[in-house]
Protein backbone atom coordinates (compact mmCIF):
# COMPACT_ATOMS: atom_id res chain seq x y z
CA MET A 1 28.93 -41.27 12.86
CA LYS A 2 27.89 -39.00 10.03
CA GLN A 3 30.62 -40.45 7.73
CA MET A 4 29.55 -44.00 8.58
CA LEU A 5 25.91 -43.29 7.76
CA MET A 6 26.92 -41.69 4.48
CA ALA A 7 28.98 -44.70 3.52
CA ILE A 8 26.12 -47.11 4.30
CA ALA A 9 23.26 -45.12 2.78
CA GLY A 10 25.18 -43.64 -0.12
CA PRO A 11 23.19 -41.72 -2.64
CA ILE A 12 19.91 -42.24 -0.79
CA VAL A 13 21.06 -39.98 2.08
CA LEU A 14 22.62 -37.52 -0.34
CA ALA A 15 19.35 -37.21 -2.22
CA ALA A 16 17.41 -36.76 1.00
CA CYS A 17 19.80 -34.10 2.19
CA ALA A 18 19.52 -32.34 -1.19
CA VAL A 19 15.71 -32.30 -0.91
CA ALA A 20 15.84 -30.96 2.63
CA ALA A 21 18.33 -28.29 1.67
CA SER A 22 16.50 -27.25 -1.48
CA PRO A 23 12.82 -26.55 -0.81
CA THR A 24 10.63 -25.41 -3.68
CA PRO A 25 11.61 -21.83 -4.52
CA ILE A 26 9.10 -19.22 -3.48
CA SER A 27 8.74 -18.11 -7.08
CA GLU A 28 7.49 -21.57 -8.06
CA ARG A 29 4.85 -21.72 -5.30
CA GLN A 30 1.32 -20.39 -5.65
CA ALA A 31 0.18 -17.20 -3.96
CA ARG A 32 -2.93 -17.33 -1.88
CA PRO A 33 -6.12 -16.18 -3.65
CA SER A 34 -7.43 -12.78 -2.65
CA PRO A 35 -10.93 -11.31 -2.63
CA GLU A 36 -12.01 -9.53 -5.80
CA TRP A 37 -12.85 -6.40 -3.84
CA VAL A 38 -9.12 -6.19 -3.05
CA THR A 39 -7.63 -7.00 -6.46
CA ARG A 40 -10.10 -4.76 -8.34
CA GLY A 41 -10.15 -1.96 -5.80
CA VAL A 42 -8.75 1.55 -5.48
CA MET A 43 -7.37 2.37 -2.03
CA TYR A 44 -7.47 5.69 -0.21
CA GLN A 45 -5.58 6.46 3.01
CA ILE A 46 -7.13 8.64 5.69
CA GLN A 47 -4.70 10.18 8.15
CA PRO A 48 -7.34 11.53 10.55
CA ARG A 49 -5.27 14.37 11.99
CA ALA A 50 -5.01 15.82 8.50
CA PHE A 51 -8.19 14.63 6.84
CA THR A 52 -10.47 17.21 8.46
CA PRO A 53 -9.94 20.44 10.45
CA GLU A 54 -11.62 18.73 13.43
CA GLY A 55 -9.46 15.60 13.22
CA THR A 56 -12.30 13.41 14.42
CA LEU A 57 -14.03 10.23 13.20
CA LYS A 58 -17.35 12.05 13.01
CA ALA A 59 -15.90 14.69 10.76
CA ALA A 60 -14.23 12.02 8.63
CA THR A 61 -17.53 10.14 8.34
CA ALA A 62 -19.20 13.26 6.91
CA ARG A 63 -16.63 13.37 4.09
CA LEU A 64 -16.99 9.71 3.06
CA PRO A 65 -19.58 10.44 0.31
CA LYS A 66 -16.93 12.50 -1.48
CA LEU A 67 -14.62 9.46 -1.54
CA ALA A 68 -17.42 7.33 -2.94
CA GLU A 69 -17.99 9.99 -5.62
CA LEU A 70 -14.29 9.84 -6.44
CA GLY A 71 -14.52 6.11 -7.02
CA ILE A 72 -12.74 4.76 -3.97
CA ASP A 73 -13.31 1.15 -2.95
CA ILE A 74 -11.07 0.64 0.11
CA VAL A 75 -10.45 3.12 2.91
CA TYR A 76 -7.28 2.56 4.90
CA LEU A 77 -7.57 4.38 8.23
CA CYS A 78 -4.36 5.28 10.07
CA PRO A 79 -4.39 4.27 13.76
CA VAL A 80 -7.23 5.72 15.85
CA PHE A 81 -6.62 3.61 18.95
CA VAL A 82 -5.49 5.11 22.27
CA SER A 83 -1.93 6.36 21.85
CA ASP A 84 0.60 6.66 24.65
CA ASP A 85 0.65 10.08 26.34
CA ASP A 86 4.00 9.80 28.18
CA PRO A 87 5.42 13.33 28.08
CA ASP A 88 9.04 12.22 28.61
CA THR A 89 10.60 13.16 25.28
CA ARG A 90 13.35 10.55 25.77
CA GLY A 91 10.72 7.92 24.81
CA TRP A 92 9.63 9.84 21.72
CA SER A 93 10.85 8.87 18.30
CA PRO A 94 13.44 11.11 16.59
CA ARG A 95 10.80 12.04 13.99
CA GLN A 96 8.36 12.99 16.70
CA ARG A 97 10.84 15.26 18.38
CA ALA A 98 11.92 16.77 15.05
CA SER A 99 8.31 17.67 14.25
CA LYS A 100 8.48 20.42 16.87
CA LEU A 101 4.79 19.94 17.57
CA ASN A 102 5.44 18.90 21.22
CA ASN A 103 2.61 16.40 21.19
CA PRO A 104 3.33 13.22 23.20
CA ARG A 105 0.53 11.28 21.44
CA ASN A 106 2.07 9.43 18.57
CA PRO A 107 -0.62 7.30 16.82
CA TYR A 108 2.06 4.62 16.15
CA ARG A 109 2.95 4.28 19.82
CA MET A 110 0.01 2.37 21.31
CA LYS A 111 -1.36 2.51 24.81
CA ASP A 112 -4.62 0.59 24.37
CA TYR A 113 -5.38 -1.61 21.32
CA TYR A 114 -9.03 -2.07 22.31
CA HIS A 115 -10.38 1.45 22.39
CA VAL A 116 -10.55 4.58 20.28
CA ASP A 117 -8.45 7.55 21.39
CA PRO A 118 -10.67 10.36 22.74
CA GLU A 119 -8.80 12.71 20.31
CA TYR A 120 -10.69 10.99 17.46
CA GLY A 121 -13.96 10.31 19.28
CA THR A 122 -15.45 7.18 20.77
CA ASP A 123 -15.65 3.45 20.03
CA ALA A 124 -19.22 4.17 18.81
CA ASP A 125 -17.86 6.78 16.39
CA LEU A 126 -15.59 4.14 14.83
CA LYS A 127 -18.47 1.74 14.46
CA ALA A 128 -20.52 4.49 12.79
CA PHE A 129 -17.61 5.30 10.50
CA ILE A 130 -17.30 1.70 9.34
CA ALA A 131 -21.09 1.35 8.95
CA GLU A 132 -21.28 4.48 6.79
CA THR A 133 -18.36 3.25 4.65
CA HIS A 134 -20.19 0.01 4.05
CA LYS A 135 -23.39 1.89 3.25
CA LEU A 136 -21.42 3.68 0.51
CA ARG A 137 -20.18 0.29 -0.80
CA MET A 138 -16.61 0.79 0.40
CA ARG A 139 -14.49 -1.31 2.72
CA VAL A 140 -12.27 -0.35 5.70
CA LEU A 141 -8.78 -1.46 6.72
CA LEU A 142 -7.71 -0.58 10.26
CA ASP A 143 -4.04 0.09 11.00
CA MET A 144 -2.56 -2.31 13.58
CA VAL A 145 0.77 -1.47 15.29
CA TYR A 146 2.05 -4.67 16.91
CA LEU A 147 5.86 -4.44 16.68
CA HIS A 148 5.99 -2.14 19.71
CA CYS A 149 3.81 -0.33 22.23
CA GLY A 150 4.06 2.73 24.50
CA PRO A 151 5.75 2.79 27.89
CA ARG A 152 2.36 3.26 29.54
CA ALA A 153 0.52 0.47 27.69
CA VAL A 154 -2.51 -0.63 29.71
CA PHE A 155 -1.50 -4.30 29.72
CA LEU A 156 2.04 -3.82 31.12
CA GLN A 157 1.09 -3.80 34.79
CA GLU A 158 -0.81 -7.12 34.58
CA HIS A 159 1.43 -8.62 31.87
CA PRO A 160 4.98 -7.24 32.24
CA ASN A 161 6.24 -10.17 30.13
CA PHE A 162 4.33 -8.92 27.06
CA VAL A 163 7.43 -6.88 26.19
CA LYS A 164 11.02 -7.95 25.73
CA ARG A 165 13.34 -7.47 28.68
CA ASP A 166 17.05 -7.84 29.23
CA GLN A 167 18.70 -9.96 31.93
CA GLU A 168 18.19 -7.19 34.47
CA GLY A 169 14.48 -6.93 33.66
CA LYS A 170 14.72 -3.62 31.77
CA ILE A 171 12.50 -3.16 28.77
CA VAL A 172 14.17 -3.73 25.41
CA ALA A 173 13.31 -1.20 22.74
CA ALA A 174 12.26 -1.97 19.19
CA GLY A 175 12.66 0.57 16.41
CA TRP A 176 12.11 4.26 17.26
CA GLY A 177 12.89 3.53 20.91
CA PHE A 178 9.50 2.05 21.79
CA PRO A 179 9.09 -1.07 24.00
CA ALA A 180 9.32 -4.18 21.84
CA LEU A 181 6.48 -6.70 22.13
CA ASP A 182 7.68 -10.25 22.83
CA PHE A 183 6.28 -12.63 20.25
CA SER A 184 7.91 -15.60 21.94
CA ASN A 185 5.15 -15.22 24.56
CA PRO A 186 2.03 -17.20 23.55
CA GLU A 187 -0.15 -15.09 25.86
CA LEU A 188 0.79 -11.91 23.98
CA ARG A 189 0.02 -13.58 20.67
CA GLU A 190 -3.39 -14.66 21.93
CA TYR A 191 -4.05 -11.11 23.23
CA LEU A 192 -3.31 -9.64 19.76
CA TRP A 193 -5.15 -12.30 17.75
CA LYS A 194 -8.24 -11.61 19.86
CA ASN A 195 -7.75 -7.93 19.26
CA MET A 196 -7.97 -8.42 15.50
CA GLU A 197 -10.96 -10.71 15.91
CA TYR A 198 -12.65 -8.09 18.10
CA TRP A 199 -12.50 -5.36 15.44
CA VAL A 200 -13.83 -7.69 12.76
CA GLN A 201 -16.63 -9.29 14.84
CA GLU A 202 -17.83 -6.30 16.81
CA PHE A 203 -17.15 -3.41 14.44
CA GLY A 204 -17.22 -4.91 11.00
CA ALA A 205 -13.72 -4.06 9.93
CA ASP A 206 -12.83 -5.60 6.56
CA GLY A 207 -9.18 -6.12 7.27
CA PHE A 208 -5.95 -4.59 8.50
CA ARG A 209 -2.87 -2.73 7.41
CA CYS A 210 -0.08 -4.30 9.47
CA ASP A 211 2.59 -1.83 10.56
CA VAL A 212 6.24 -2.92 10.14
CA SER A 213 4.97 -6.43 9.43
CA ASP A 214 8.45 -7.73 8.54
CA GLY A 215 9.54 -7.14 12.08
CA ILE A 216 7.02 -9.65 13.42
CA PRO A 217 7.32 -13.45 12.86
CA LEU A 218 5.42 -14.53 9.76
CA ASP A 219 3.78 -17.44 11.58
CA PHE A 220 1.96 -14.87 13.79
CA TRP A 221 0.33 -13.36 10.72
CA GLU A 222 -0.39 -16.77 9.22
CA THR A 223 -2.29 -17.85 12.35
CA ALA A 224 -4.06 -14.51 12.35
CA ARG A 225 -5.20 -15.21 8.81
CA ASP A 226 -6.49 -18.70 9.80
CA ARG A 227 -8.49 -17.26 12.67
CA LEU A 228 -9.90 -14.28 10.84
CA ASP A 229 -10.94 -16.41 7.87
CA LYS A 230 -13.15 -18.41 10.16
CA ILE A 231 -15.00 -15.19 11.06
CA GLN A 232 -14.95 -13.39 7.72
CA PRO A 233 -13.41 -15.28 4.77
CA GLU A 234 -12.91 -12.14 2.72
CA VAL A 235 -10.77 -10.21 5.23
CA CYS A 236 -7.81 -8.38 3.67
CA LEU A 237 -4.36 -8.20 5.20
CA LEU A 238 -1.95 -5.52 3.89
CA ALA A 239 1.72 -5.84 4.90
CA GLU A 240 3.81 -2.80 5.39
CA GLY A 241 6.76 -4.89 4.35
CA THR A 242 8.51 -6.70 1.53
CA ARG A 243 8.95 -10.24 2.86
CA ARG A 244 8.86 -12.55 -0.11
CA GLU A 245 6.86 -15.26 1.69
CA ASP A 246 4.09 -12.85 2.71
CA GLN A 247 1.55 -13.81 0.07
CA LEU A 248 1.89 -17.57 0.31
CA LYS A 249 -0.61 -17.70 3.14
CA ALA A 250 -0.86 -14.57 5.32
CA PHE A 251 -1.17 -11.44 3.21
CA ASP A 252 -3.13 -10.23 0.24
CA LEU A 253 -0.95 -7.18 -0.50
CA ASP A 254 2.44 -5.78 0.33
CA TYR A 255 3.72 -2.21 0.18
CA GLY A 256 5.22 -1.34 -3.20
CA TRP A 257 8.42 0.19 -1.85
CA GLY A 258 11.55 0.44 -4.02
CA PHE A 259 10.43 2.35 -7.10
CA LYS A 260 12.19 5.45 -8.41
CA TRP A 261 9.32 7.07 -10.28
CA ASP A 262 11.52 9.28 -12.44
CA ASP A 263 13.47 6.42 -14.08
CA PRO A 264 11.56 4.12 -16.42
CA ALA A 265 14.40 1.65 -16.83
CA SER A 266 14.72 1.17 -13.08
CA ILE A 267 10.94 0.89 -12.69
CA ARG A 268 10.90 -2.04 -15.09
CA LYS A 269 13.94 -3.61 -13.43
CA GLN A 270 12.46 -3.25 -9.97
CA TRP A 271 9.11 -4.70 -11.17
CA GLU A 272 10.84 -7.68 -12.70
CA LYS A 273 12.94 -8.30 -9.62
CA MET A 274 9.87 -8.26 -7.36
CA ARG A 275 7.95 -10.55 -9.74
CA ASP A 276 10.78 -13.07 -9.88
CA GLU A 277 11.08 -13.21 -6.10
CA ARG A 278 7.40 -13.68 -5.42
CA PRO A 279 4.93 -16.57 -5.61
CA ARG A 280 3.12 -17.19 -8.85
CA GLY A 281 -0.12 -15.31 -9.09
CA GLY A 282 1.24 -12.89 -6.52
CA ALA A 283 3.04 -9.59 -7.26
CA ARG A 284 0.17 -7.83 -5.50
CA PHE A 285 1.43 -4.47 -4.21
CA ILE A 286 -0.14 -1.13 -3.43
CA ARG A 287 1.14 1.49 -5.89
CA PHE A 288 1.69 4.94 -4.43
CA ILE A 289 3.74 8.12 -4.63
CA ASP A 290 2.51 9.63 -1.37
CA ASN A 291 1.39 8.30 2.01
CA HIS A 292 1.42 9.38 5.67
CA ASP A 293 5.17 8.66 6.03
CA ILE A 294 6.17 10.46 2.84
CA ALA A 295 3.97 13.47 3.55
CA ASN A 296 5.11 13.66 7.19
CA ASP A 297 8.82 13.72 6.24
CA ALA A 298 8.35 16.10 3.26
CA TRP A 299 7.26 18.94 5.59
CA HIS A 300 6.41 21.87 3.25
CA ASN A 301 7.98 20.31 0.19
CA ARG A 302 5.09 17.89 -0.64
CA VAL A 303 5.11 15.78 -3.83
CA GLU A 304 2.78 18.28 -5.46
CA LYS A 305 5.35 21.08 -4.99
CA ALA A 306 8.46 19.02 -5.61
CA TRP A 307 7.17 17.37 -8.77
CA GLY A 308 4.57 19.64 -10.26
CA THR A 309 1.19 18.72 -11.68
CA PRO A 310 2.25 17.26 -15.09
CA ARG A 311 4.67 14.79 -13.50
CA VAL A 312 2.18 13.82 -10.77
CA HIS A 313 -0.49 13.15 -13.39
CA ALA A 314 1.84 11.06 -15.53
CA THR A 315 2.86 8.95 -12.51
CA LEU A 316 -0.72 8.50 -11.38
CA VAL A 317 -1.41 6.97 -14.80
CA VAL A 318 1.31 4.45 -14.09
CA LEU A 319 -0.10 3.61 -10.65
CA PHE A 320 -3.54 2.96 -12.15
CA THR A 321 -2.43 0.85 -15.09
CA LEU A 322 0.35 -1.29 -13.56
CA ASP A 323 -0.63 -4.46 -11.80
CA GLY A 324 -1.40 -4.11 -8.08
CA VAL A 325 -3.77 -1.77 -6.26
CA PRO A 326 -3.55 2.02 -6.86
CA PHE A 327 -3.39 4.08 -3.73
CA LEU A 328 -4.35 7.75 -3.18
CA TYR A 329 -3.35 9.65 -0.11
CA ASN A 330 -5.43 12.05 1.95
CA GLY A 331 -6.15 15.09 -0.23
CA GLN A 332 -4.11 13.96 -3.20
CA GLU A 333 -7.31 14.14 -5.23
CA VAL A 334 -7.38 17.95 -4.83
CA ALA A 335 -3.60 18.42 -5.23
CA ASP A 336 -3.13 19.31 -1.59
CA THR A 337 0.19 20.98 -0.78
CA ALA A 338 -0.27 21.69 2.97
CA ARG A 339 2.19 20.31 5.50
CA HIS A 340 0.92 17.14 7.14
CA SER A 341 2.22 15.40 10.26
CA ILE A 342 1.23 12.28 12.08
CA PHE A 343 2.41 14.01 15.29
CA GLY A 344 -0.17 16.82 15.36
CA ARG A 345 -3.16 18.36 13.61
CA LEU A 346 -2.14 19.97 10.32
CA PRO A 347 -5.11 19.62 8.06
CA ILE A 348 -5.61 19.29 4.28
CA ASP A 349 -6.33 22.57 2.56
CA TRP A 350 -9.70 21.47 1.19
CA ALA A 351 -10.23 24.95 -0.24
CA ASN A 352 -7.78 23.87 -2.94
CA GLY A 353 -10.50 21.61 -4.19
CA ASP A 354 -12.48 24.64 -5.33
CA THR A 355 -9.64 26.03 -7.42
CA PRO A 356 -9.28 25.15 -11.13
CA ALA A 357 -6.19 22.97 -10.30
CA GLY A 358 -8.07 21.15 -7.52
CA LYS A 359 -11.13 20.55 -9.64
CA ALA A 360 -9.00 19.28 -12.52
CA ARG A 361 -7.16 16.87 -10.22
CA PHE A 362 -10.39 15.50 -8.77
CA ALA A 363 -11.80 14.95 -12.24
CA PHE A 364 -8.59 13.28 -13.38
CA CYS A 365 -8.49 10.90 -10.40
CA GLN A 366 -12.20 10.18 -10.89
CA GLN A 367 -11.51 9.28 -14.52
CA LEU A 368 -8.63 6.98 -13.49
CA CYS A 369 -10.92 5.22 -11.11
CA GLU A 370 -13.64 4.83 -13.77
CA ILE A 371 -11.17 3.37 -16.30
CA ARG A 372 -9.76 0.94 -13.75
CA HIS A 373 -13.24 -0.27 -12.84
CA ALA A 374 -14.35 -0.55 -16.41
CA GLU A 375 -11.34 -2.36 -17.95
CA ARG A 376 -10.95 -5.93 -16.79
CA ALA A 377 -7.49 -6.06 -18.28
CA LEU A 378 -6.30 -3.49 -15.70
CA THR A 379 -7.38 -5.62 -12.69
CA GLY A 380 -7.24 -9.19 -13.95
CA GLY A 381 -4.88 -8.98 -16.91
CA GLU A 382 -1.27 -10.16 -17.22
CA LEU A 383 1.32 -7.46 -17.73
CA ALA A 384 3.82 -7.66 -20.53
CA TRP A 385 6.48 -5.02 -21.09
CA VAL A 386 6.70 -3.56 -24.57
CA ASP A 387 10.16 -2.66 -25.59
CA ASN A 388 10.77 0.85 -26.94
CA ASP A 389 13.73 2.86 -28.28
CA ALA A 390 13.65 5.47 -25.46
CA PRO A 391 13.74 3.29 -22.35
CA GLN A 392 15.28 6.05 -20.19
CA ALA A 393 12.29 8.28 -20.77
CA VAL A 394 9.23 6.13 -21.63
CA LEU A 395 7.43 3.26 -19.88
CA SER A 396 5.46 1.03 -22.25
CA TYR A 397 3.54 -2.08 -21.34
CA GLN A 398 0.39 -3.95 -22.16
CA ARG A 399 -2.24 -5.63 -19.92
CA SER A 400 -4.23 -8.48 -21.50
CA PHE A 401 -7.39 -10.21 -20.37
CA GLU A 402 -9.13 -12.73 -22.64
CA ASN A 403 -9.44 -10.92 -25.99
CA GLU A 404 -8.97 -7.37 -24.64
CA ARG A 405 -5.70 -5.49 -24.39
CA VAL A 406 -4.84 -2.16 -22.86
CA LEU A 407 -1.57 -0.47 -24.00
CA THR A 408 0.03 2.20 -21.81
CA LEU A 409 2.85 4.61 -22.71
CA VAL A 410 4.00 7.22 -20.22
CA ASN A 411 6.76 9.75 -20.78
CA LEU A 412 8.39 10.37 -17.39
CA ALA A 413 10.77 12.95 -18.85
CA GLY A 414 9.99 16.64 -18.94
CA ARG A 415 10.80 16.92 -22.66
CA GLN A 416 9.17 15.78 -25.89
CA VAL A 417 10.11 12.27 -26.95
CA ARG A 418 9.33 10.45 -30.19
CA VAL A 419 9.33 6.73 -29.36
CA GLU A 420 8.96 3.58 -31.47
CA ILE A 421 7.56 0.50 -29.74
CA ALA A 422 8.35 -3.11 -30.56
CA MET A 423 4.88 -3.74 -31.86
CA PRO A 424 3.77 -3.77 -35.50
CA ALA A 425 1.35 -1.00 -36.52
CA GLU A 426 -1.28 -3.57 -37.55
CA GLN A 427 -1.45 -4.82 -33.95
CA THR A 428 -2.35 -1.36 -32.77
CA ALA A 429 -4.59 -0.39 -35.68
CA GLY A 430 -7.75 -0.79 -33.64
CA LEU A 431 -6.52 1.11 -30.61
CA ARG A 432 -9.19 3.24 -29.00
CA GLN A 433 -7.84 5.91 -26.70
CA LEU A 434 -9.15 5.62 -23.13
CA LEU A 435 -6.96 8.38 -21.68
CA GLY A 436 -4.32 10.61 -23.13
CA GLN A 437 -2.52 13.91 -22.85
CA GLY A 438 0.18 15.31 -25.04
CA ALA A 439 0.30 12.18 -27.18
CA ARG A 440 -0.23 11.21 -30.79
CA MET A 441 0.30 8.05 -32.80
CA GLU A 442 2.37 7.78 -35.94
CA THR A 443 3.41 4.98 -38.28
CA ALA A 444 7.19 4.57 -38.44
CA SER A 445 9.29 3.04 -41.15
CA GLY A 446 9.12 -0.72 -41.39
CA GLY A 447 5.51 -0.75 -40.26
CA LYS A 448 6.27 -0.07 -36.64
CA ARG A 449 4.07 2.00 -34.36
CA ALA A 450 5.47 5.28 -33.04
CA PHE A 451 4.19 7.85 -30.58
CA VAL A 452 5.09 11.48 -30.02
CA LEU A 453 4.79 12.25 -26.31
CA GLU A 454 5.16 15.73 -24.91
CA GLY A 455 6.93 16.13 -21.59
CA TYR A 456 5.04 13.94 -19.08
CA GLY A 457 2.62 13.01 -21.82
CA PHE A 458 0.77 9.70 -21.74
CA PHE A 459 -1.40 7.43 -23.83
CA VAL A 460 -3.71 4.63 -22.63
CA GLY A 461 -5.52 2.77 -25.40
CA LYS A 462 -7.67 -0.37 -25.73
CA SER A 463 -7.83 -2.88 -28.53
CA ARG A 464 -9.36 -6.32 -29.16
């Protein structure tokens, strides 16, 4: 029958089949618009078990003014909902067992999505935390863990079909050995959509960080977006994922995984790959070198110890001048080196903030926030890579918005480098330094612009 139809219809059917088989590439489609508070913001992650010695929402609320002083716009709060307390270690994740903290309560193994875990306080404490954040002109993202739940989840007795089961009725595990939620069940979807609506309507949450979002059907998140937009049109959804279609409709931001921060050539290659795969106007990623997962798995060899201050500072400059949303983690602003774990209470060493190194880091992060907020090119400007003759050591790029340009050079090598950039000296003659360390400009032969950058040196300059 297929051959007969092809013979009758000829090229018409062939053309139709070609259209059906070749939808518009994602890179040629337009990304959804996002609120300005997202695209111009600086994000800070609070992992509550580490953020204060008490590990409570009340204690975290008391520290919020310090984040406002730093220049933070968006607070991303790790899960504070009731976690499963099943003591059977066979149901714990390998990381949880390896932590040796012997705590059954994993914040990423949910028992009740609708209430705050008593470890962190009460529902009223979360409402007060969000209200205080808003009072300080910051926004809050709550962390939603929907791929899986705990074996004692409160809904399982009434809704045993909310989780995947095999032919014998046994629960099917998702990653980490936790019961997998069944997104083929419309009742489960409704339960979770109402959960997101509840935290926005009743508590004033400004959006959600969506755990392992790629493991959940995209249409679930797209419907969530439609429903949330009817309640609060400026809600933000952050995907812990890399799905290329995310920002067409559902998400404002994705995680910026995949970067090797010690290799400028690979950074540029990875950036270009992600740009080419994504919708136009997209490429919105959070830019980070530390977060709760990285810190948890680093144990005592945190980024601050493994890299050292000069390299951390140089990379922070990159995070704040690339496109996307810069992200600071839980004590990074005081160069915290203490062990953190999501599986137990191991707090930030806030005393480090009173040391010369801690004070210098806070001032440096504060300056980065100020520059990002002041320079429109860093939040709304297109990024163009500037070629240089030391691509294995130096990143160089320019952000442009209207008639303003911000040029960034960062030496990610621990040695001095003299680098010429593919930009005539006259184009940089009016450069005004916004931020710099271990850097000086020179004029090279042929009228080119050159820079001498000490190990981990950097230069950020503005011109018109």
